[in-house]
Amino acid sequence: MIIHGQRYAIFSAASGAAPDRQEPFKLMSNLANKTLFITGGSRGIGKAIALRAARDGAHVVIAAKTDKPHPKLEGTIHTAAEEVVAAGGQALAIQLDVRDDHAIEDAVEKAVSHFGGLDILINNASAITLLPTTELPMRRYDLMSQVNVRGTYACSKAAVPHLAKGSNPHILNLSPPLNMNPRWFKDYVAYTMSKYGMSMCVLGMAQEFKRYGVAVNALWPRTVIATAAINMLGGRVDAKNCRTPDIMADAAHAILSRKSTECTGHFFLDEPVLRAEGVTDFERYAVEPGQPLMKDLFLDE
């Protein structure tokens, strides 16, 4: 179906994650004065989403672990908050480990108290180790399970009572479409289970939270994104074959601008979302324009 001259291509949880289903969406104006709570927002995709929202004049909660400069990772919750303000938004930096239930509840309450409410939750915090079962230390299994699945679940649980009172409320998980091809399990089953757990939250919570008018969707990149995470991939990826986090930020902005009661339970890919918005120049998102791009995990040919 076409609305405003554009086609909307999505993966739909309700229809078994079939690709390229066409759906119309009503758009809100922008994210001005909306309050976003972004886990893992101190760098990478989370920070890019924060800065895109800030350009609309949004209120952004940067909830992440890095409170002080890290020897190997760029940025802290404080530097990210400063960038949000410089981009035109308001910011609140909260140190948060999403494995801590009480810390999550306190952070959400602090955000609501500071900005007067909550409209959007971005479950972006994630851990990755791509190793087979026989080589994966159980502490890494526990980390991925606790951050990716449990953290997403706990943050959503804590946020939804406030989101239900919000304006055009959304939960957006940075997780892939559910793909049962054994190829995506055989080499790193623990990581796959943890990311699919985030996607299963979309599948269930989209239906559960309909009663509150809260949208729950997933967003995943069609190509690998150049973030600190690629350093955890053991040389599998060269940054020149990646796109920048800006493509995910622009796609997230488009999803979050859609009417929550009419856009829920979908597994979106960044590129189709932006094509539906009329974007045709994707070279601007390339780390090195002209270089071949590497397709991301969990996407078949």
Protein backbone atom coordinates (compact mmCIF):
# COMPACT_ATOMS: atom_id res chain seq x y z
CA MET A 1 0.00 0.00 0.00
CA ILE A 2 1.14 3.57 -0.65
CA ILE A 3 0.61 6.58 1.59
CA HIS A 4 1.84 10.09 0.78
CA GLY A 5 3.51 8.61 -2.30
CA GLN A 6 5.73 6.25 -0.31
CA ARG A 7 5.78 2.49 0.18
CA TYR A 8 6.23 1.11 3.69
CA ALA A 9 8.19 -2.15 3.77
CA ILE A 10 8.29 -3.96 7.10
CA PHE A 11 8.69 -7.26 8.85
CA SER A 12 5.54 -7.96 10.83
CA ALA A 13 5.49 -10.03 14.00
CA ALA A 14 1.78 -10.56 13.56
CA SER A 15 2.27 -12.12 10.14
CA GLY A 16 5.25 -14.35 10.97
CA ALA A 17 7.95 -11.82 10.08
CA ALA A 18 7.23 -11.87 6.36
CA PRO A 19 9.46 -9.40 4.53
CA ASP A 20 8.32 -6.40 2.55
CA ARG A 21 4.72 -6.35 3.65
CA GLN A 22 3.19 -3.00 2.73
CA GLU A 23 1.49 -0.98 5.47
CA PRO A 24 0.43 2.67 5.82
CA PHE A 25 1.49 4.57 8.92
CA LYS A 26 0.25 7.86 10.25
CA LEU A 27 3.16 10.12 11.14
CA MET A 28 3.52 12.42 14.12
CA SER A 29 5.32 15.71 13.45
CA ASN A 30 8.64 15.02 15.20
CA LEU A 31 10.10 14.23 18.61
CA ALA A 32 10.04 17.75 20.04
CA ASN A 33 9.53 17.71 23.83
CA LYS A 34 9.34 13.90 23.87
CA THR A 35 11.30 12.14 26.61
CA LEU A 36 13.50 9.26 25.46
CA PHE A 37 15.21 6.79 27.79
CA ILE A 38 18.11 5.19 25.89
CA THR A 39 20.09 2.30 27.37
CA GLY A 40 23.70 2.08 26.21
CA GLY A 41 23.35 5.66 25.02
CA SER A 42 26.89 6.86 25.68
CA ARG A 43 28.24 5.82 22.26
CA GLY A 44 27.47 4.12 18.95
CA ILE A 45 23.91 3.63 17.75
CA GLY A 46 22.39 4.66 21.07
CA LYS A 47 24.15 8.02 21.02
CA ALA A 48 23.30 8.55 17.35
CA ILE A 49 19.60 8.03 18.12
CA ALA A 50 19.93 10.47 21.02
CA LEU A 51 21.50 13.16 18.85
CA ARG A 52 18.89 12.73 16.10
CA ALA A 53 16.11 13.20 18.65
CA ALA A 54 17.94 16.16 20.18
CA ARG A 55 17.83 17.99 16.87
CA ASP A 56 14.04 17.98 17.23
CA GLY A 57 14.32 19.41 20.73
CA ALA A 58 13.71 16.15 22.59
CA HIS A 59 14.52 15.35 26.21
CA VAL A 60 17.03 12.49 26.31
CA VAL A 61 18.05 10.25 29.18
CA ILE A 62 21.50 8.76 28.55
CA ALA A 63 21.45 5.58 30.66
CA ALA A 64 24.69 3.62 30.39
CA LYS A 65 27.52 2.14 32.45
CA THR A 66 30.39 4.41 31.43
CA ASP A 67 30.54 7.17 34.02
CA LYS A 68 34.28 7.86 33.68
CA PRO A 69 36.55 7.73 30.60
CA HIS A 70 37.26 4.17 29.46
CA PRO A 71 40.76 3.19 28.31
CA LYS A 72 39.45 1.51 25.13
CA LEU A 73 35.99 2.94 24.51
CA GLU A 74 35.17 6.49 23.48
CA GLY A 75 32.70 8.61 25.42
CA THR A 76 30.84 8.61 28.71
CA ILE A 77 27.28 9.33 29.79
CA HIS A 78 28.39 12.89 30.53
CA THR A 79 30.05 13.61 27.18
CA ALA A 80 27.03 12.13 25.38
CA ALA A 81 24.70 14.35 27.42
CA GLU A 82 26.81 17.38 26.50
CA GLU A 83 26.47 16.49 22.82
CA VAL A 84 22.70 16.15 23.19
CA VAL A 85 22.47 19.66 24.64
CA ALA A 86 24.74 21.03 21.91
CA ALA A 87 22.45 19.44 19.31
CA GLY A 88 19.41 21.26 20.67
CA GLY A 89 17.92 18.87 23.21
CA GLN A 90 17.82 18.52 26.97
CA ALA A 91 19.76 15.73 28.64
CA LEU A 92 19.97 13.72 31.83
CA ALA A 93 22.95 11.40 32.35
CA ILE A 94 22.31 8.35 34.55
CA GLN A 95 24.87 5.65 35.25
CA LEU A 96 23.03 2.35 34.79
CA ASP A 97 23.87 -1.33 34.66
CA VAL A 98 20.80 -2.98 33.10
CA ARG A 99 21.57 -6.17 35.04
CA ASP A 100 20.50 -4.39 38.24
CA ASP A 101 16.71 -4.36 38.71
CA HIS A 102 16.69 -1.77 41.47
CA ALA A 103 19.00 0.52 39.50
CA ILE A 104 16.65 0.30 36.51
CA GLU A 105 13.63 1.20 38.59
CA ASP A 106 15.48 4.10 40.21
CA ALA A 107 16.73 5.37 36.83
CA VAL A 108 13.26 5.32 35.29
CA GLU A 109 11.79 7.11 38.31
CA LYS A 110 14.57 9.70 38.17
CA ALA A 111 13.92 10.29 34.45
CA VAL A 112 10.17 10.69 34.99
CA SER A 113 10.71 13.03 37.92
CA HIS A 114 13.25 15.13 36.00
CA PHE A 115 11.33 15.52 32.73
CA GLY A 116 7.75 15.04 33.96
CA GLY A 117 7.06 11.79 32.11
CA LEU A 118 8.33 9.21 29.65
CA ASP A 119 7.38 8.71 26.00
CA ILE A 120 10.00 6.43 24.44
CA LEU A 121 12.24 3.59 25.58
CA ILE A 122 15.14 2.48 23.39
CA ASN A 123 16.50 -0.92 24.44
CA ASN A 124 19.92 -0.52 22.85
CA ALA A 125 22.31 -1.88 25.51
CA SER A 126 23.81 -5.14 24.26
CA ALA A 127 26.72 -7.51 24.77
CA ILE A 128 28.31 -9.65 22.05
CA THR A 129 30.73 -12.57 21.90
CA LEU A 130 30.68 -14.70 18.75
CA LEU A 131 32.03 -18.04 19.95
CA PRO A 132 30.73 -21.62 19.67
CA THR A 133 29.41 -23.48 22.70
CA THR A 134 32.64 -25.37 23.36
CA GLU A 135 34.69 -22.16 23.51
CA LEU A 136 32.36 -19.69 25.20
CA PRO A 137 33.11 -18.99 28.89
CA MET A 138 29.93 -19.18 30.92
CA ARG A 139 30.57 -15.69 32.28
CA ARG A 140 30.17 -14.38 28.72
CA TYR A 141 27.00 -16.43 28.28
CA ASP A 142 25.65 -14.92 31.48
CA LEU A 143 26.61 -11.40 30.41
CA MET A 144 24.82 -11.67 27.05
CA SER A 145 21.76 -13.24 28.62
CA GLN A 146 21.57 -10.70 31.42
CA VAL A 147 22.19 -7.60 29.31
CA ASN A 148 20.43 -8.48 26.07
CA VAL A 149 17.34 -10.41 27.17
CA ARG A 150 16.89 -9.76 30.85
CA GLY A 151 17.93 -6.11 30.61
CA THR A 152 15.45 -5.48 27.79
CA TYR A 153 12.69 -7.23 29.69
CA ALA A 154 13.42 -5.43 32.97
CA CYS A 155 13.67 -1.98 31.37
CA SER A 156 10.42 -2.51 29.49
CA LYS A 157 8.68 -3.71 32.65
CA ALA A 158 9.84 -0.67 34.61
CA ALA A 159 9.03 1.82 31.86
CA VAL A 160 5.61 0.69 30.62
CA PRO A 161 3.50 2.15 33.48
CA HIS A 162 4.97 5.56 32.65
CA LEU A 163 4.88 5.06 28.88
CA ALA A 164 1.16 4.30 29.17
CA LYS A 165 0.74 7.91 30.32
CA GLY A 166 3.05 9.28 27.64
CA SER A 167 2.45 10.93 24.29
CA ASN A 168 2.59 8.55 21.32
CA PRO A 169 4.57 6.01 23.41
CA HIS A 170 7.05 3.61 21.83
CA ILE A 171 9.46 0.88 22.86
CA LEU A 172 12.11 0.16 20.24
CA ASN A 173 14.46 -2.83 20.64
CA LEU A 174 17.68 -2.97 18.65
CA SER A 175 17.23 -6.61 17.68
CA PRO A 176 16.86 -8.72 14.53
CA PRO A 177 13.92 -10.33 12.76
CA LEU A 178 13.38 -13.87 14.07
CA ASN A 179 15.06 -16.19 11.57
CA MET A 180 15.12 -19.93 12.34
CA ASN A 181 17.76 -20.76 9.73
CA PRO A 182 20.26 -23.00 11.61
CA ARG A 183 23.07 -21.03 9.98
CA TRP A 184 22.52 -18.29 12.55
CA PHE A 185 22.77 -20.67 15.51
CA LYS A 186 25.55 -23.10 14.69
CA ASP A 187 28.58 -20.85 15.29
CA TYR A 188 27.38 -18.62 18.15
CA VAL A 189 24.19 -20.06 19.59
CA ALA A 190 24.48 -18.10 22.86
CA TYR A 191 24.59 -14.71 21.15
CA THR A 192 21.79 -15.66 18.77
CA MET A 193 19.56 -16.77 21.63
CA SER A 194 20.22 -13.54 23.50
CA LYS A 195 19.36 -11.29 20.55
CA TYR A 196 16.35 -13.37 19.57
CA GLY A 197 15.22 -13.06 23.19
CA MET A 198 15.04 -9.30 22.65
CA SER A 199 13.01 -9.92 19.50
CA MET A 200 10.68 -12.28 21.34
CA CYS A 201 10.02 -9.42 23.76
CA VAL A 202 8.76 -7.49 20.73
CA LEU A 203 6.58 -10.39 19.65
CA GLY A 204 4.89 -10.70 23.04
CA MET A 205 4.93 -7.18 24.42
CA ALA A 206 3.51 -5.66 21.22
CA GLN A 207 0.36 -7.65 21.89
CA GLU A 208 0.44 -7.25 25.67
CA PHE A 209 0.92 -3.47 25.63
CA LYS A 210 -1.69 -2.72 22.95
CA ARG A 211 -4.14 -2.09 25.77
CA TYR A 212 -1.97 0.84 26.86
CA GLY A 213 -1.42 2.24 23.37
CA VAL A 214 2.31 1.52 23.65
CA ALA A 215 4.01 0.44 20.41
CA VAL A 216 6.75 -2.20 20.62
CA ASN A 217 8.94 -2.70 17.56
CA ALA A 218 12.41 -3.92 16.59
CA LEU A 219 14.99 -2.26 14.35
CA TRP A 220 18.01 -3.98 12.81
CA PRO A 221 20.61 -2.82 10.27
CA ARG A 222 20.71 -4.40 6.83
CA THR A 223 24.49 -3.90 6.81
CA VAL A 224 27.04 -3.96 9.63
CA ILE A 225 27.32 -0.66 11.52
CA ALA A 226 30.72 0.73 12.48
CA THR A 227 30.62 0.83 16.28
CA ALA A 228 32.89 -0.36 19.08
CA ALA A 229 31.14 -3.74 18.84
CA ILE A 230 32.98 -4.65 15.62
CA ASN A 231 36.17 -4.82 17.68
CA MET A 232 34.58 -7.81 19.44
CA LEU A 233 34.21 -9.74 16.18
CA GLY A 234 37.75 -11.06 15.94
CA GLY A 235 38.65 -9.37 12.67
CA ARG A 236 35.54 -10.58 10.84
CA VAL A 237 34.63 -7.02 9.84
CA ASP A 238 36.57 -4.12 8.36
CA ALA A 239 35.10 -0.71 9.20
CA LYS A 240 35.42 0.40 5.57
CA ASN A 241 32.73 -2.16 4.67
CA CYS A 242 30.27 -0.72 7.18
CA ARG A 243 27.77 2.09 7.47
CA THR A 244 27.76 4.73 10.21
CA PRO A 245 25.28 4.72 13.12
CA ASP A 246 23.48 7.66 11.50
CA ILE A 247 21.46 5.33 9.27
CA MET A 248 20.03 3.59 12.33
CA ALA A 249 19.35 6.93 14.00
CA ASP A 250 17.40 8.20 11.00
CA ALA A 251 15.45 4.95 10.71
CA ALA A 252 14.65 4.97 14.44
CA HIS A 253 13.44 8.56 14.16
CA ALA A 254 11.09 7.58 11.34
CA ILE A 255 9.62 4.69 13.35
CA LEU A 256 9.23 6.72 16.53
CA SER A 257 7.43 9.43 14.58
CA ARG A 258 4.70 6.99 13.53
CA LYS A 259 1.44 6.67 15.41
CA SER A 260 1.99 4.14 18.19
CA THR A 261 -1.50 2.65 18.02
CA GLU A 262 -1.04 1.82 14.34
CA CYS A 263 2.63 0.79 14.18
CA THR A 264 3.44 -2.04 16.56
CA GLY A 265 4.75 -5.60 16.46
CA HIS A 266 7.08 -5.09 13.50
CA PHE A 267 10.67 -6.09 12.78
CA PHE A 268 12.08 -3.23 10.75
CA LEU A 269 15.31 -3.02 8.75
CA ASP A 270 16.95 0.39 8.52
CA GLU A 271 17.26 0.67 4.75
CA PRO A 272 13.66 -0.24 3.82
CA VAL A 273 12.37 2.15 6.51
CA LEU A 274 14.32 5.02 4.99
CA ARG A 275 13.43 4.11 1.41
CA ALA A 276 9.80 4.33 2.51
CA GLU A 277 10.56 7.84 3.73
CA GLY A 278 11.88 8.77 0.29
CA VAL A 279 15.62 8.42 0.98
CA THR A 280 17.56 7.38 -2.12
CA ASP A 281 21.15 8.40 -1.30
CA PHE A 282 22.62 5.75 0.98
CA GLU A 283 26.26 6.49 0.14
CA ARG A 284 26.14 9.27 2.74
CA TYR A 285 25.86 6.58 5.40
CA ALA A 286 28.92 4.63 4.22
CA VAL A 287 32.11 4.79 6.26
CA GLU A 288 33.98 4.76 2.94
CA PRO A 289 31.65 5.53 0.00
CA GLY A 290 32.16 3.15 -2.91
CA GLN A 291 33.34 0.22 -0.80
CA PRO A 292 31.27 -3.00 -0.75
CA LEU A 293 29.06 -3.33 2.30
CA MET A 294 28.92 -6.33 4.61
CA LYS A 295 25.45 -7.67 5.33
CA ASP A 296 24.61 -7.94 9.01
CA LEU A 297 23.92 -11.13 10.96
CA PHE A 298 20.59 -12.99 10.86
CA LEU A 299 19.65 -11.83 7.34
CA ASP A 300 19.48 -14.49 4.61
CA GLU A 301 20.29 -13.79 0.99
